[in-house]
Amino acid sequence: MVNLGLNIAGLHFKNPVMTASGTCGFGPELEDFFDLGRIGAIVVKGTTLEPREGNPYPRMAETPSGMLNSVGLQNKGIEYFESSIYPKISKYDTQIIVNINGSYLGDYVKLAERLSTLEKIPAIELNISCPNVKMGGMAFGTNPVSAREVIKAVRKVYPKVLIVKLSPNVTNIVEFARISEEEGADSVSLVNTLLGMAIDINTMKPKLSTVTGGLSGPAIKPVALRMVWQVAKAVKIPVIGMGGIMNASDVIEFFMAGAAAVQIGTATFIEPDAPVRILDGVEKFLTERGISDYRSLIGCINNK
């Protein structure tokens, strides 16, 4: 029997495979494809204080080995989440993590306070890394001073597990990981999408209404893997890795680079059951090699 369990600040996960925010809705969207109780956690779609319409269409574009998106955090706000989404997802036999976003520091604080009262939400992912909104989001995640302020303010009002989602669109991601740890984050997740663009040569216009958007998919995996490796060596809190994970081999690479857990995102657009397929592949890899505990792989490349 392979041990796939892990703990982050006392919160137990049955295995280290999670969904990535923004790619799988709130959870019910995947119910027809696999048992959500199989995976370690569901990280729900980015939630804001007030409803957001998101960016104008077109806001998605396929690119070589990836995709661009500029959805812009479309959601119906925290009130709708509390009344209509929470009653459904609170019944899942897995951990539920809510990704929170804001335009201002106070938005994050208010969201954290409200979510702290929901019994079946044991953790939040503080998203200071979204590249697709005009205010907030990446503005916090690319400025060390602002990042420290928002993490400190949320930590002050949120007593449960706090995960900070980091942006790759910075010169030194290690600096932001260390700030997160210093201000009381229990974990960091990385990377969010890389800022990119695409142009339609026939219309001579950008393929996205916002011109630029977030690049995800296999194209960004080498960058994500490098950043996870850098961060995992620099902080003591667990690192949750993501970015271009499409199969079990990708997950093993992230473990070896230092990730304690992973999030599956863009892969679900191709195969909605990708999280369980990948989880099964990880377990098979470990079993065939006689590895009894996946944690023995975490950061193992640094021991060679």
Protein backbone atom coordinates (compact mmCIF):
# COMPACT_ATOMS: atom_id res chain seq x y z
CA MET A 1 0.00 0.00 0.00
CA VAL A 2 1.38 3.36 -1.06
CA ASN A 3 1.05 6.26 1.37
CA LEU A 4 -0.22 9.31 -0.51
CA GLY A 5 -1.48 11.31 2.45
CA LEU A 6 -0.11 14.68 3.47
CA ASN A 7 -0.73 17.44 5.99
CA ILE A 8 -0.49 21.18 5.57
CA ALA A 9 -0.56 23.02 8.89
CA GLY A 10 -2.55 20.18 10.45
CA LEU A 11 -5.03 19.88 7.59
CA HIS A 12 -5.06 16.33 6.22
CA PHE A 13 -5.30 15.56 2.51
CA LYS A 14 -5.93 11.97 1.40
CA ASN A 15 -3.55 12.50 -1.52
CA PRO A 16 -1.54 15.34 -3.08
CA VAL A 17 -3.61 15.79 -6.27
CA MET A 18 -5.89 18.84 -6.44
CA THR A 19 -7.77 20.71 -9.11
CA ALA A 20 -6.52 24.16 -10.07
CA SER A 21 -8.71 27.20 -9.57
CA GLY A 22 -10.33 28.67 -12.65
CA THR A 23 -10.32 25.48 -14.71
CA CYS A 24 -12.98 23.33 -13.09
CA GLY A 25 -15.65 25.74 -11.93
CA PHE A 26 -16.79 25.06 -8.38
CA GLY A 27 -16.80 21.26 -8.47
CA PRO A 28 -20.28 20.21 -9.62
CA GLU A 29 -19.15 20.74 -13.21
CA LEU A 30 -16.95 17.63 -12.86
CA GLU A 31 -19.40 15.35 -11.09
CA ASP A 32 -20.40 13.54 -14.30
CA PHE A 33 -16.79 12.61 -15.03
CA PHE A 34 -15.35 11.21 -11.79
CA ASP A 35 -15.88 10.83 -8.07
CA LEU A 36 -14.58 14.08 -6.61
CA GLY A 37 -13.89 12.25 -3.36
CA ARG A 38 -11.00 10.47 -5.06
CA ILE A 39 -8.72 13.50 -5.13
CA GLY A 40 -7.06 15.39 -2.31
CA ALA A 41 -8.79 18.73 -2.76
CA ILE A 42 -10.91 20.88 -5.01
CA VAL A 43 -9.72 24.45 -5.43
CA VAL A 44 -12.79 26.31 -6.57
CA LYS A 45 -13.04 29.05 -9.16
CA GLY A 46 -11.77 32.48 -8.17
CA THR A 47 -14.32 34.21 -5.92
CA THR A 48 -14.67 37.94 -5.36
CA LEU A 49 -16.61 40.10 -2.93
CA GLU A 50 -19.01 41.44 -5.59
CA PRO A 51 -20.23 39.75 -8.80
CA ARG A 52 -17.98 40.18 -11.82
CA GLU A 53 -18.90 39.88 -15.48
CA GLY A 54 -15.33 39.22 -16.49
CA ASN A 55 -13.62 40.54 -19.60
CA PRO A 56 -15.28 40.97 -23.01
CA TYR A 57 -15.15 38.15 -25.54
CA PRO A 58 -13.03 36.72 -27.10
CA ARG A 59 -11.19 35.71 -23.97
CA MET A 60 -9.66 32.33 -24.80
CA ALA A 61 -7.25 31.35 -27.55
CA GLU A 62 -5.39 28.14 -28.33
CA THR A 63 -1.61 28.42 -28.68
CA PRO A 64 1.17 25.92 -29.43
CA SER A 65 1.22 23.46 -26.51
CA GLY A 66 -1.05 25.66 -24.45
CA MET A 67 -3.82 28.20 -24.26
CA LEU A 68 -4.34 31.84 -23.40
CA ASN A 69 -7.20 33.07 -21.27
CA SER A 70 -8.40 36.46 -20.10
CA VAL A 71 -11.67 35.45 -18.45
CA GLY A 72 -11.16 38.10 -15.79
CA LEU A 73 -12.49 36.30 -12.71
CA GLN A 74 -16.10 36.05 -13.85
CA ASN A 75 -18.19 34.89 -10.89
CA LYS A 76 -21.37 35.77 -9.01
CA GLY A 77 -19.69 36.96 -5.83
CA ILE A 78 -19.35 35.68 -2.28
CA GLU A 79 -23.03 36.02 -1.40
CA TYR A 80 -24.04 33.70 -4.22
CA PHE A 81 -21.23 31.31 -3.28
CA GLU A 82 -22.47 31.14 0.31
CA SER A 83 -26.12 30.61 -0.60
CA SER A 84 -25.95 28.47 -3.74
CA ILE A 85 -22.52 26.87 -4.14
CA TYR A 86 -21.41 26.11 -0.60
CA PRO A 87 -24.41 23.88 0.29
CA LYS A 88 -23.56 21.64 -2.69
CA ILE A 89 -19.81 21.36 -2.39
CA SER A 90 -19.74 21.07 1.40
CA LYS A 91 -20.99 17.49 0.96
CA TYR A 92 -17.94 16.33 -1.01
CA ASP A 93 -15.64 13.83 0.64
CA THR A 94 -12.53 15.91 0.03
CA GLN A 95 -11.02 19.19 1.15
CA ILE A 96 -12.52 22.35 -0.34
CA ILE A 97 -10.23 25.33 -0.87
CA VAL A 98 -11.62 28.67 -2.02
CA ASN A 99 -9.48 30.87 -4.24
CA ILE A 100 -10.09 34.52 -3.26
CA ASN A 101 -9.42 37.62 -5.31
CA GLY A 102 -9.81 41.36 -4.84
CA SER A 103 -9.24 44.76 -6.38
CA TYR A 104 -8.30 46.27 -3.03
CA LEU A 105 -6.72 44.98 0.16
CA GLY A 106 -10.02 45.36 2.01
CA ASP A 107 -11.72 43.01 -0.46
CA TYR A 108 -9.36 40.20 0.46
CA VAL A 109 -9.84 40.82 4.17
CA LYS A 110 -13.64 40.80 3.97
CA LEU A 111 -13.64 37.63 1.89
CA ALA A 112 -11.30 35.87 4.30
CA GLU A 113 -13.46 36.87 7.27
CA ARG A 114 -16.63 35.53 5.67
CA LEU A 115 -15.06 32.30 4.53
CA SER A 116 -13.58 31.65 7.95
CA THR A 117 -17.11 31.15 9.26
CA LEU A 118 -17.92 28.33 6.82
CA GLU A 119 -17.24 25.04 8.60
CA LYS A 120 -16.56 22.95 5.49
CA ILE A 121 -14.06 25.41 4.02
CA PRO A 122 -10.80 24.62 5.87
CA ALA A 123 -8.49 26.68 3.67
CA ILE A 124 -8.28 29.58 1.26
CA GLU A 125 -5.91 30.23 -1.61
CA LEU A 126 -5.00 33.91 -1.59
CA ASN A 127 -4.66 34.80 -5.25
CA ILE A 128 -2.26 37.70 -5.62
CA SER A 129 -1.22 36.56 -9.07
CA CYS A 130 -4.07 36.92 -11.57
CA PRO A 131 -2.85 38.69 -14.74
CA ASN A 132 -6.31 39.27 -16.19
CA VAL A 133 -7.85 42.02 -14.08
CA LYS A 134 -7.24 45.75 -14.30
CA MET A 135 -6.96 46.34 -10.55
CA GLY A 136 -5.65 44.13 -7.78
CA GLY A 137 -4.62 40.58 -8.57
CA MET A 138 -1.17 40.68 -10.11
CA ALA A 139 -0.67 44.24 -8.88
CA PHE A 140 -0.33 42.75 -5.39
CA GLY A 141 1.64 39.74 -6.55
CA THR A 142 4.37 41.64 -8.37
CA ASN A 143 5.04 44.30 -5.73
CA PRO A 144 6.83 43.00 -2.62
CA VAL A 145 5.46 45.75 -0.37
CA SER A 146 1.86 45.23 -1.51
CA ALA A 147 2.20 41.46 -1.31
CA ARG A 148 3.40 41.66 2.27
CA GLU A 149 0.58 44.02 3.24
CA VAL A 150 -2.21 41.86 1.84
CA ILE A 151 -0.84 38.59 3.22
CA LYS A 152 -0.35 40.15 6.67
CA ALA A 153 -3.86 41.63 6.65
CA VAL A 154 -5.50 38.34 5.62
CA ARG A 155 -3.47 36.29 8.07
CA LYS A 156 -4.64 38.57 10.87
CA VAL A 157 -8.31 37.74 10.27
CA TYR A 158 -8.11 34.20 8.90
CA PRO A 159 -7.34 31.45 11.44
CA LYS A 160 -7.50 28.46 9.10
CA VAL A 161 -5.03 27.21 6.49
CA LEU A 162 -3.73 30.02 4.29
CA ILE A 163 -2.19 29.25 0.90
CA VAL A 164 -0.71 32.10 -1.14
CA LYS A 165 -0.78 31.73 -4.93
CA LEU A 166 2.28 33.27 -6.54
CA SER A 167 2.77 34.91 -9.91
CA PRO A 168 5.54 33.79 -12.28
CA ASN A 169 5.53 37.25 -13.84
CA VAL A 170 8.22 38.54 -11.50
CA THR A 171 11.99 38.79 -11.56
CA ASN A 172 12.50 36.78 -8.37
CA ILE A 173 9.65 34.51 -7.26
CA VAL A 174 11.68 33.33 -4.26
CA GLU A 175 11.35 36.80 -2.72
CA PHE A 176 7.56 36.52 -2.77
CA ALA A 177 7.62 33.01 -1.36
CA ARG A 178 9.77 34.18 1.53
CA ILE A 179 7.47 37.12 2.16
CA SER A 180 4.52 34.72 2.25
CA GLU A 181 6.28 32.51 4.79
CA GLU A 182 7.36 35.47 6.92
CA GLU A 183 3.80 36.79 7.07
CA GLY A 184 2.33 33.51 8.23
CA ALA A 185 1.26 31.65 5.10
CA ASP A 186 0.94 27.91 5.66
CA SER A 187 1.80 27.08 2.05
CA VAL A 188 2.48 28.66 -1.33
CA SER A 189 1.06 27.52 -4.66
CA LEU A 190 2.83 28.21 -7.94
CA VAL A 191 2.77 29.06 -10.70
CA ASN A 192 -0.19 30.98 -11.99
CA THR A 193 -0.29 31.69 -15.72
CA LEU A 194 2.48 33.50 -17.58
CA LEU A 195 1.54 36.70 -19.34
CA GLY A 196 1.34 36.19 -23.10
CA MET A 197 -0.46 37.17 -26.28
CA ALA A 198 -1.49 35.91 -29.72
CA ILE A 199 -2.38 37.70 -32.96
CA ASP A 200 -4.75 36.67 -35.73
CA ILE A 201 -2.79 37.47 -38.90
CA ASN A 202 -5.96 37.41 -41.04
CA THR A 203 -7.88 40.01 -39.04
CA MET A 204 -4.66 41.74 -37.95
CA LYS A 205 -6.02 41.92 -34.42
CA PRO A 206 -5.08 40.33 -31.09
CA LYS A 207 -6.90 37.06 -30.46
CA LEU A 208 -7.95 38.27 -26.99
CA SER A 209 -10.11 41.31 -26.31
CA THR A 210 -7.65 42.33 -23.62
CA VAL A 211 -4.66 41.85 -25.99
CA THR A 212 -2.71 39.93 -23.35
CA GLY A 213 -3.78 37.02 -21.19
CA GLY A 214 -2.57 34.14 -19.07
CA LEU A 215 -0.68 31.32 -20.77
CA SER A 216 -1.18 27.82 -19.38
CA GLY A 217 -0.63 24.26 -20.52
CA PRO A 218 2.45 22.14 -21.33
CA ALA A 219 4.27 25.14 -22.81
CA ILE A 220 4.85 26.60 -19.34
CA LYS A 221 5.87 23.42 -17.50
CA PRO A 222 9.65 23.92 -17.68
CA VAL A 223 9.30 27.43 -16.26
CA ALA A 224 6.89 26.27 -13.54
CA LEU A 225 9.14 23.36 -12.61
CA ARG A 226 12.16 25.64 -12.30
CA MET A 227 10.28 28.08 -10.08
CA VAL A 228 8.93 25.32 -7.82
CA TRP A 229 12.48 24.00 -7.43
CA GLN A 230 13.79 27.46 -6.53
CA VAL A 231 11.02 28.16 -4.03
CA ALA A 232 11.08 24.74 -2.38
CA LYS A 233 14.75 25.21 -1.55
CA ALA A 234 14.13 28.65 -0.07
CA VAL A 235 11.15 28.11 2.26
CA LYS A 236 10.15 25.56 4.88
CA ILE A 237 6.39 25.66 4.25
CA PRO A 238 4.91 23.16 1.75
CA VAL A 239 4.92 24.09 -1.92
CA ILE A 240 1.98 23.22 -4.15
CA GLY A 241 3.14 22.99 -7.76
CA MET A 242 1.22 23.59 -10.96
CA GLY A 243 1.81 24.59 -14.54
CA GLY A 244 1.43 22.34 -17.57
CA ILE A 245 0.82 19.09 -15.71
CA MET A 246 -0.74 16.62 -18.16
CA ASN A 247 0.24 13.18 -16.86
CA ALA A 248 1.69 11.26 -13.94
CA SER A 249 5.27 11.76 -15.12
CA ASP A 250 4.78 15.51 -14.87
CA VAL A 251 3.58 15.13 -11.29
CA ILE A 252 6.60 13.02 -10.36
CA GLU A 253 8.85 15.73 -11.76
CA PHE A 254 7.15 18.34 -9.60
CA PHE A 255 7.57 16.14 -6.51
CA MET A 256 11.25 15.66 -7.30
CA ALA A 257 11.66 19.41 -7.74
CA GLY A 258 10.24 19.97 -4.25
CA ALA A 259 6.43 20.17 -4.52
CA ALA A 260 4.49 18.48 -1.73
CA ALA A 261 1.27 18.57 -3.77
CA VAL A 262 0.12 19.51 -7.26
CA GLN A 263 -2.84 21.13 -8.95
CA ILE A 264 -4.26 19.97 -12.29
CA GLY A 265 -5.73 22.69 -14.49
CA THR A 266 -5.60 22.99 -18.27
CA ALA A 267 -5.49 19.18 -18.66
CA THR A 268 -9.14 19.03 -17.58
CA PHE A 269 -10.19 20.97 -20.68
CA ILE A 270 -8.96 18.04 -22.75
CA GLU A 271 -9.89 15.24 -20.34
CA PRO A 272 -12.25 16.26 -17.53
CA ASP A 273 -11.23 13.17 -15.56
CA ALA A 274 -7.54 14.03 -15.82
CA PRO A 275 -7.07 14.44 -12.03
CA VAL A 276 -8.02 10.82 -11.26
CA ARG A 277 -6.23 9.44 -14.32
CA ILE A 278 -3.10 11.24 -13.20
CA LEU A 279 -3.56 10.13 -9.58
CA ASP A 280 -3.82 6.50 -10.68
CA GLY A 281 -0.69 6.94 -12.76
CA VAL A 282 1.23 8.33 -9.80
CA GLU A 283 0.19 5.41 -7.61
CA LYS A 284 1.20 2.94 -10.33
CA PHE A 285 4.62 4.59 -10.69
CA LEU A 286 5.25 4.37 -6.95
CA THR A 287 4.01 0.79 -6.67
CA GLU A 288 6.11 -0.48 -9.56
CA ARG A 289 9.22 1.04 -8.02
CA GLY A 290 8.51 -0.18 -4.52
CA ILE A 291 8.19 3.34 -3.11
CA SER A 292 5.94 3.13 -0.04
CA ASP A 293 5.60 6.86 0.64
CA TYR A 294 5.48 9.48 -2.11
CA ARG A 295 7.02 12.04 0.24
CA SER A 296 10.39 10.37 -0.17
CA LEU A 297 10.45 11.89 -3.65
CA ILE A 298 9.91 15.48 -2.54
CA GLY A 299 12.97 17.50 -3.45
CA CYS A 300 15.03 14.35 -4.03
CA ILE A 301 17.01 15.85 -6.92
CA ASN A 302 18.80 18.03 -4.38
CA ASN A 303 20.15 14.92 -2.67
CA LYS A 304 21.92 13.61 -5.74
